[in-house]
C-alpha atoms as a PDB file:
ATOM      1  CA  MET A   1      13.627  25.050  20.069  1.00  0.00           C
ATOM      2  CA  ALA A   2      12.164  22.301  17.894  1.00  0.00           C
ATOM      3  CA  SER A   3       8.814  20.825  18.825  1.00  0.00           C
ATOM      4  CA  ASN A   4       6.307  18.349  17.442  1.00  0.00           C
ATOM      5  CA  ALA A   5       3.451  20.509  18.718  1.00  0.00           C
ATOM      6  CA  ALA A   6       1.568  22.514  16.115  1.00  0.00           C
ATOM      7  CA  PRO A   7       1.513  26.252  16.732  1.00  0.00           C
ATOM      8  CA  ASP A   8      -1.685  27.805  18.053  1.00  0.00           C
ATOM      9  CA  ASN A   9      -4.028  28.760  15.239  1.00  0.00           C
ATOM     10  CA  HIS A  10      -2.112  26.965  12.521  1.00  0.00           C
ATOM     11  CA  PRO A  11      -3.085  28.635   9.214  1.00  0.00           C
ATOM     12  CA  TYR A  12      -3.327  25.463   7.077  1.00  0.00           C
ATOM     13  CA  THR A  13      -4.268  21.808   7.159  1.00  0.00           C
ATOM     14  CA  TYR A  14      -2.286  19.402   4.984  1.00  0.00           C
ATOM     15  CA  GLN A  15      -2.724  16.099   3.223  1.00  0.00           C
ATOM     16  CA  LEU A  16      -0.806  13.882   0.833  1.00  0.00           C
ATOM     17  CA  SER A  17      -2.907  12.629  -2.076  1.00  0.00           C
ATOM     18  CA  HIS A  18      -2.295  10.141  -4.840  1.00  0.00           C
ATOM     19  CA  PRO A  19      -2.404  11.826  -8.282  1.00  0.00           C
ATOM     20  CA  CYS A  20      -5.421   9.695  -9.233  1.00  0.00           C
ATOM     21  CA  VAL A  21      -7.397  11.069  -6.259  1.00  0.00           C
ATOM     22  CA  ILE A  22      -6.750  14.638  -7.412  1.00  0.00           C
ATOM     23  CA  ASP A  23      -7.582  13.821 -11.041  1.00  0.00           C
ATOM     24  CA  ASP A  24     -10.790  12.099  -9.983  1.00  0.00           C
ATOM     25  CA  ARG A  25     -11.771  15.074  -7.814  1.00  0.00           C
ATOM     26  CA  GLU A  26     -11.061  17.595 -10.585  1.00  0.00           C
ATOM     27  CA  ASN A  27     -11.848  15.645 -13.782  1.00  0.00           C
ATOM     28  CA  GLY A  28     -14.041  12.738 -12.717  1.00  0.00           C
ATOM     29  CA  GLY A  29     -11.515  10.005 -13.457  1.00  0.00           C
ATOM     30  CA  CYS A  30      -7.930   8.802 -13.403  1.00  0.00           C
ATOM     31  CA  ARG A  31      -5.380   8.803 -16.228  1.00  0.00           C
ATOM     32  CA  ALA A  32      -2.556   6.385 -16.988  1.00  0.00           C
ATOM     33  CA  SER A  33      -0.060   9.118 -16.064  1.00  0.00           C
ATOM     34  CA  ASP A  34      -1.466   9.115 -12.503  1.00  0.00           C
ATOM     35  CA  PHE A  35       0.438   5.925 -11.714  1.00  0.00           C
ATOM     36  CA  ARG A  36       4.214   6.006 -11.322  1.00  0.00           C
ATOM     37  CA  GLU A  37       6.614   3.770  -9.404  1.00  0.00           C
ATOM     38  CA  CYS A  38       9.051   5.420  -7.019  1.00  0.00           C
ATOM     39  CA  PRO A  39      12.408   3.862  -6.131  1.00  0.00           C
ATOM     40  CA  ALA A  40      12.740   3.069  -2.430  1.00  0.00           C
ATOM     41  CA  ALA A  41      15.598   1.848  -0.282  1.00  0.00           C
ATOM     42  CA  PRO A  42      14.945  -1.290   1.792  1.00  0.00           C
ATOM     43  CA  ASP A  43      12.778  -0.574   4.847  1.00  0.00           C
ATOM     44  CA  ARG A  44      11.636   2.752   3.358  1.00  0.00           C
ATOM     45  CA  VAL A  45       8.194   3.587   1.964  1.00  0.00           C
ATOM     46  CA  VAL A  46       8.314   6.039  -0.934  1.00  0.00           C
ATOM     47  CA  GLU A  47       5.166   6.836  -2.900  1.00  0.00           C
ATOM     48  CA  ASP A  48       4.204   9.074  -5.797  1.00  0.00           C
ATOM     49  CA  LEU A  49       2.159  11.744  -4.003  1.00  0.00           C
ATOM     50  CA  VAL A  50       1.022  15.346  -4.220  1.00  0.00           C
ATOM     51  CA  PRO A  51       1.168  17.535  -1.088  1.00  0.00           C
ATOM     52  CA  GLU A  52      -1.928  19.694  -0.659  1.00  0.00           C
ATOM     53  CA  SER A  53      -2.809  22.447   1.778  1.00  0.00           C
ATOM     54  CA  ARG A  54      -6.083  24.117   2.688  1.00  0.00           C
ATOM     55  CA  ARG A  55      -6.640  27.370   4.555  1.00  0.00           C
ATOM     56  CA  LEU A  56      -8.059  27.304   8.075  1.00  0.00           C
ATOM     57  CA  ALA A  57     -10.236  30.041   9.557  1.00  0.00           C
ATOM     58  CA  LEU A  58      -8.226  32.000  12.138  1.00  0.00           C
ATOM     59  CA  PRO A  59      -9.411  34.226  15.002  1.00  0.00           C
ATOM     60  CA  ASP A  60     -10.050  37.877  14.266  1.00  0.00           C
ATOM     61  CA  PRO A  61      -6.683  39.689  14.607  1.00  0.00           C
ATOM     62  CA  ASN A  62      -8.536  42.853  15.733  1.00  0.00           C
ATOM     63  CA  PRO A  63     -10.987  41.622  18.365  1.00  0.00           C
ATOM     64  CA  ASP A  64     -11.429  45.173  19.689  1.00  0.00           C
ATOM     65  CA  ASP A  65     -13.195  46.483  16.583  1.00  0.00           C
ATOM     66  CA  ASP A  66     -16.964  46.208  16.280  1.00  0.00           C
ATOM     67  CA  VAL A  67     -16.866  43.412  13.688  1.00  0.00           C
ATOM     68  CA  VAL A  68     -15.882  39.985  14.987  1.00  0.00           C
ATOM     69  CA  GLU A  69     -15.016  37.651  12.165  1.00  0.00           C
ATOM     70  CA  THR A  70     -12.615  34.906  11.243  1.00  0.00           C
ATOM     71  CA  VAL A  71      -9.876  35.459   8.675  1.00  0.00           C
ATOM     72  CA  THR A  72      -7.233  33.555   6.707  1.00  0.00           C
ATOM     73  CA  THR A  73      -3.538  34.397   6.343  1.00  0.00           C
ATOM     74  CA  ASP A  74      -3.980  35.439   2.709  1.00  0.00           C
ATOM     75  CA  GLY A  75      -7.359  37.173   3.007  1.00  0.00           C
ATOM     76  CA  TYR A  76      -9.410  34.381   1.431  1.00  0.00           C
ATOM     77  CA  PRO A  77     -13.028  34.851   2.590  1.00  0.00           C
ATOM     78  CA  THR A  78     -14.166  32.621   5.469  1.00  0.00           C
ATOM     79  CA  PHE A  79     -17.874  33.518   5.239  1.00  0.00           C
ATOM     80  CA  GLY A  80     -18.058  33.431   9.036  1.00  0.00           C
ATOM     81  CA  ALA A  81     -16.694  29.897   9.432  1.00  0.00           C
ATOM     82  CA  PRO A  82     -15.679  29.039  13.018  1.00  0.00           C
ATOM     83  CA  VAL A  83     -11.988  29.099  13.978  1.00  0.00           C
ATOM     84  CA  GLY A  84     -10.173  25.990  12.720  1.00  0.00           C
ATOM     85  CA  THR A  85     -12.661  25.260   9.923  1.00  0.00           C
ATOM     86  CA  PRO A  86     -11.116  24.504   6.503  1.00  0.00           C
ATOM     87  CA  VAL A  87     -12.132  27.103   3.914  1.00  0.00           C
ATOM     88  CA  GLY A  88     -11.625  27.275   0.181  1.00  0.00           C
ATOM     89  CA  PRO A  89     -10.319  24.619  -2.171  1.00  0.00           C
ATOM     90  CA  TRP A  90      -7.273  22.427  -1.681  1.00  0.00           C
ATOM     91  CA  ILE A  91      -4.091  24.115  -2.917  1.00  0.00           C
ATOM     92  CA  VAL A  92      -2.199  21.536  -4.959  1.00  0.00           C
ATOM     93  CA  GLY A  93       1.566  21.323  -4.480  1.00  0.00           C
ATOM     94  CA  GLU A  94       4.215  19.712  -6.665  1.00  0.00           C
ATOM     95  CA  ARG A  95       3.920  15.997  -7.382  1.00  0.00           C
ATOM     96  CA  GLY A  96       6.894  13.859  -6.441  1.00  0.00           C
ATOM     97  CA  CYS A  97       8.267  10.703  -4.863  1.00  0.00           C
ATOM     98  CA  ILE A  98       7.829  11.349  -1.138  1.00  0.00           C
ATOM     99  CA  ASP A  99       9.348   9.233   1.626  1.00  0.00           C
ATOM    100  CA  ILE A 100       6.432   8.570   3.988  1.00  0.00           C
ATOM    101  CA  THR A 101       8.180   6.031   6.221  1.00  0.00           C
ATOM    102  CA  ALA A 102       8.073   8.411   9.196  1.00  0.00           C
ATOM    103  CA  LEU A 103       4.284   8.586   8.863  1.00  0.00           C
ATOM    104  CA  ASN A 104       4.325   4.821   9.518  1.00  0.00           C
ATOM    105  CA  PRO A 105       1.680   3.663   7.043  1.00  0.00           C
ATOM    106  CA  PRO A 106       0.795  -0.020   7.081  1.00  0.00           C
ATOM    107  CA  PRO A 107       2.863  -2.111   4.660  1.00  0.00           C
ATOM    108  CA  SER A 108       1.756  -1.874   1.040  1.00  0.00           C
ATOM    109  CA  PRO A 109       1.028  -5.027  -0.991  1.00  0.00           C
ATOM    110  CA  ASP A 110       4.323  -4.474  -2.868  1.00  0.00           C
ATOM    111  CA  GLU A 111       6.253  -4.274   0.410  1.00  0.00           C
ATOM    112  CA  VAL A 112       4.607  -7.483   1.707  1.00  0.00           C
ATOM    113  CA  PHE A 113       5.437  -9.210  -1.591  1.00  0.00           C
ATOM    114  CA  ARG A 114       9.112  -8.210  -1.256  1.00  0.00           C
ATOM    115  CA  TYR A 115       9.159  -9.937   2.150  1.00  0.00           C
ATOM    116  CA  PHE A 116       7.298 -12.959   0.742  1.00  0.00           C
ATOM    117  CA  GLN A 117      10.024 -13.430  -1.883  1.00  0.00           C
ATOM    118  CA  THR A 118      12.613 -13.946   0.892  1.00  0.00           C
ATOM    119  CA  LEU A 119      10.640 -16.606   2.808  1.00  0.00           C
ATOM    120  CA  PRO A 120      11.973 -20.188   2.931  1.00  0.00           C
ATOM    121  CA  LEU A 121       9.110 -21.966   1.156  1.00  0.00           C
ATOM    122  CA  PRO A 122       9.194 -25.758   1.596  1.00  0.00           C
ATOM    123  CA  GLN A 123       9.884 -28.221  -1.200  1.00  0.00           C
ATOM    124  CA  LEU A 124       6.951 -30.613  -1.539  1.00  0.00           C
ATOM    125  CA  THR A 125       7.938 -34.290  -1.479  1.00  0.00           C
ATOM    126  CA  THR A 126       6.708 -36.197  -4.528  1.00  0.00           C
ATOM    127  CA  GLN A 127       5.066 -39.604  -4.098  1.00  0.00           C
ATOM    128  CA  HIS A 128       3.713 -42.077  -6.650  1.00  0.00           C
ATOM    129  CA  GLN A 129       1.453 -45.146  -6.714  1.00  0.00           C
ATOM    130  CA  PRO A 130       2.055 -47.957  -7.081  1.00  0.00           C
ATOM    131  CA  PRO A 131       5.146 -47.627  -4.860  1.00  0.00           C
ATOM    132  CA  GLY A 132       8.572 -48.736  -6.001  1.00  0.00           C
ATOM    133  CA  ASP A 133       9.754 -48.853  -9.588  1.00  0.00           C
ATOM    134  CA  VAL A 134       7.150 -48.108 -12.218  1.00  0.00           C
ATOM    135  CA  LEU A 135       6.502 -50.230 -15.298  1.00  0.00           C
ATOM    136  CA  THR A 136       6.234 -48.545 -18.659  1.00  0.00           C
ATOM    137  CA  GLY A 137       2.708 -48.434 -20.019  1.00  0.00           C
ATOM    138  CA  LEU A 138       0.942 -48.867 -16.680  1.00  0.00           C
ATOM    139  CA  PRO A 139      -0.939 -45.993 -15.017  1.00  0.00           C
ATOM    140  CA  VAL A 140       0.905 -44.073 -12.305  1.00  0.00           C
ATOM    141  CA  ILE A 141      -0.618 -41.672  -9.795  1.00  0.00           C
ATOM    142  CA  PHE A 142       1.583 -38.747  -8.753  1.00  0.00           C
ATOM    143  CA  TYR A 143       0.802 -36.913  -5.519  1.00  0.00           C
ATOM    144  CA  THR A 144       2.249 -35.115  -2.537  1.00  0.00           C
ATOM    145  CA  ASP A 145       1.171 -35.497   1.053  1.00  0.00           C
ATOM    146  CA  SER A 146       3.353 -32.597   2.206  1.00  0.00           C
ATOM    147  CA  PRO A 147       1.521 -29.586   3.667  1.00  0.00           C
ATOM    148  CA  THR A 148       0.405 -27.351   0.786  1.00  0.00           C
ATOM    149  CA  THR A 149      -0.209 -24.288   2.985  1.00  0.00           C
ATOM    150  CA  GLN A 150       2.272 -22.582   5.257  1.00  0.00           C
ATOM    151  CA  THR A 151       1.774 -19.463   7.374  1.00  0.00           C
ATOM    152  CA  PHE A 152       4.588 -17.048   8.196  1.00  0.00           C
ATOM    153  CA  THR A 153       4.433 -14.108  10.603  1.00  0.00           C
ATOM    154  CA  VAL A 154       6.896 -11.365   9.717  1.00  0.00           C
ATOM    155  CA  ASP A 155       7.678  -7.984  11.233  1.00  0.00           C
ATOM    156  CA  ILE A 156       7.540  -5.215   8.634  1.00  0.00           C
ATOM    157  CA  ARG A 157       8.506  -1.884  10.213  1.00  0.00           C
ATOM    158  CA  GLY A 158       6.832  -2.841  13.493  1.00  0.00           C
ATOM    159  CA  PHE A 159       3.681  -4.258  11.889  1.00  0.00           C
ATOM    160  CA  GLN A 160       3.044  -7.975  12.465  1.00  0.00           C
ATOM    161  CA  VAL A 161       1.990  -9.347   9.074  1.00  0.00           C
ATOM    162  CA  ALA A 162       0.706 -12.896   8.549  1.00  0.00           C
ATOM    163  CA  ILE A 163       1.558 -14.284   5.122  1.00  0.00           C
ATOM    164  CA  GLU A 164      -0.169 -17.491   4.083  1.00  0.00           C
ATOM    165  CA  ALA A 165       1.515 -19.321   1.201  1.00  0.00           C
ATOM    166  CA  THR A 166      -0.726 -21.882  -0.496  1.00  0.00           C
ATOM    167  CA  ALA A 167       0.154 -24.046  -3.496  1.00  0.00           C
ATOM    168  CA  GLN A 168      -2.523 -23.353  -6.109  1.00  0.00           C
ATOM    169  CA  GLN A 169      -1.153 -25.426  -8.977  1.00  0.00           C
ATOM    170  CA  PHE A 170       0.865 -28.617  -9.255  1.00  0.00           C
ATOM    171  CA  THR A 171       2.925 -29.473 -12.333  1.00  0.00           C
ATOM    172  CA  TRP A 172       4.196 -33.033 -12.724  1.00  0.00           C
ATOM    173  CA  HIS A 173       7.103 -33.774 -15.074  1.00  0.00           C
ATOM    174  CA  THR A 174       6.819 -37.464 -15.994  1.00  0.00           C
ATOM    175  CA  GLY A 175      10.077 -37.743 -17.905  1.00  0.00           C
ATOM    176  CA  ASP A 176       8.438 -39.387 -20.914  1.00  0.00           C
ATOM    177  CA  THR A 177       6.519 -38.302 -24.003  1.00  0.00           C
ATOM    178  CA  THR A 178       3.452 -37.478 -21.882  1.00  0.00           C
ATOM    179  CA  GLY A 179       5.047 -34.134 -21.044  1.00  0.00           C
ATOM    180  CA  GLN A 180       3.800 -32.004 -18.163  1.00  0.00           C
ATOM    181  CA  ILE A 181       0.626 -32.742 -16.251  1.00  0.00           C
ATOM    182  CA  THR A 182      -0.924 -29.810 -14.387  1.00  0.00           C
ATOM    183  CA  SER A 183      -3.604 -29.976 -11.703  1.00  0.00           C
ATOM    184  CA  THR A 184      -5.080 -27.795  -8.980  1.00  0.00           C
ATOM    185  CA  ASP A 185      -5.000 -30.509  -6.318  1.00  0.00           C
ATOM    186  CA  PRO A 186      -1.951 -32.292  -4.880  1.00  0.00           C
ATOM    187  CA  GLY A 187      -2.609 -35.657  -6.485  1.00  0.00           C
END
């Protein structure tokens, strides 16, 4: 019968680590090869990870003998560590693209950006002063009085994520030899 319960006295503890974390732990820094993109289907989270395991101290299998001690499944010394204590170094598994959707991590920045790209951002209405037709050679002020910030709340795999879209730059195309005019405020 299948169960989500861990067996009594499980012999290992597990973790998934990013390659950079392992490199930093073993070599004191990351390498360019520690970063790799993994393809993922929509609504799936797939990351480049390394599974690791570490032995746990188990109860003495022969409690009737005169020596009471903890052991590991492969005989690695526990040095008297209490039952359930991790002993020895992490045992590094094979690196790969691992689907971690079932672990339900919060959305990554890349995943939030994919949702952002589908949002219906508003078109800002352009205004100019003086109103009406403009005369050549006279100064004209371009501006928008449309809202320049909009907040969206989206559901990403059960997480409520607030995305705030704010216009940070405005580019005005005047249609004459002036060319483009760029500013950081809306007018």
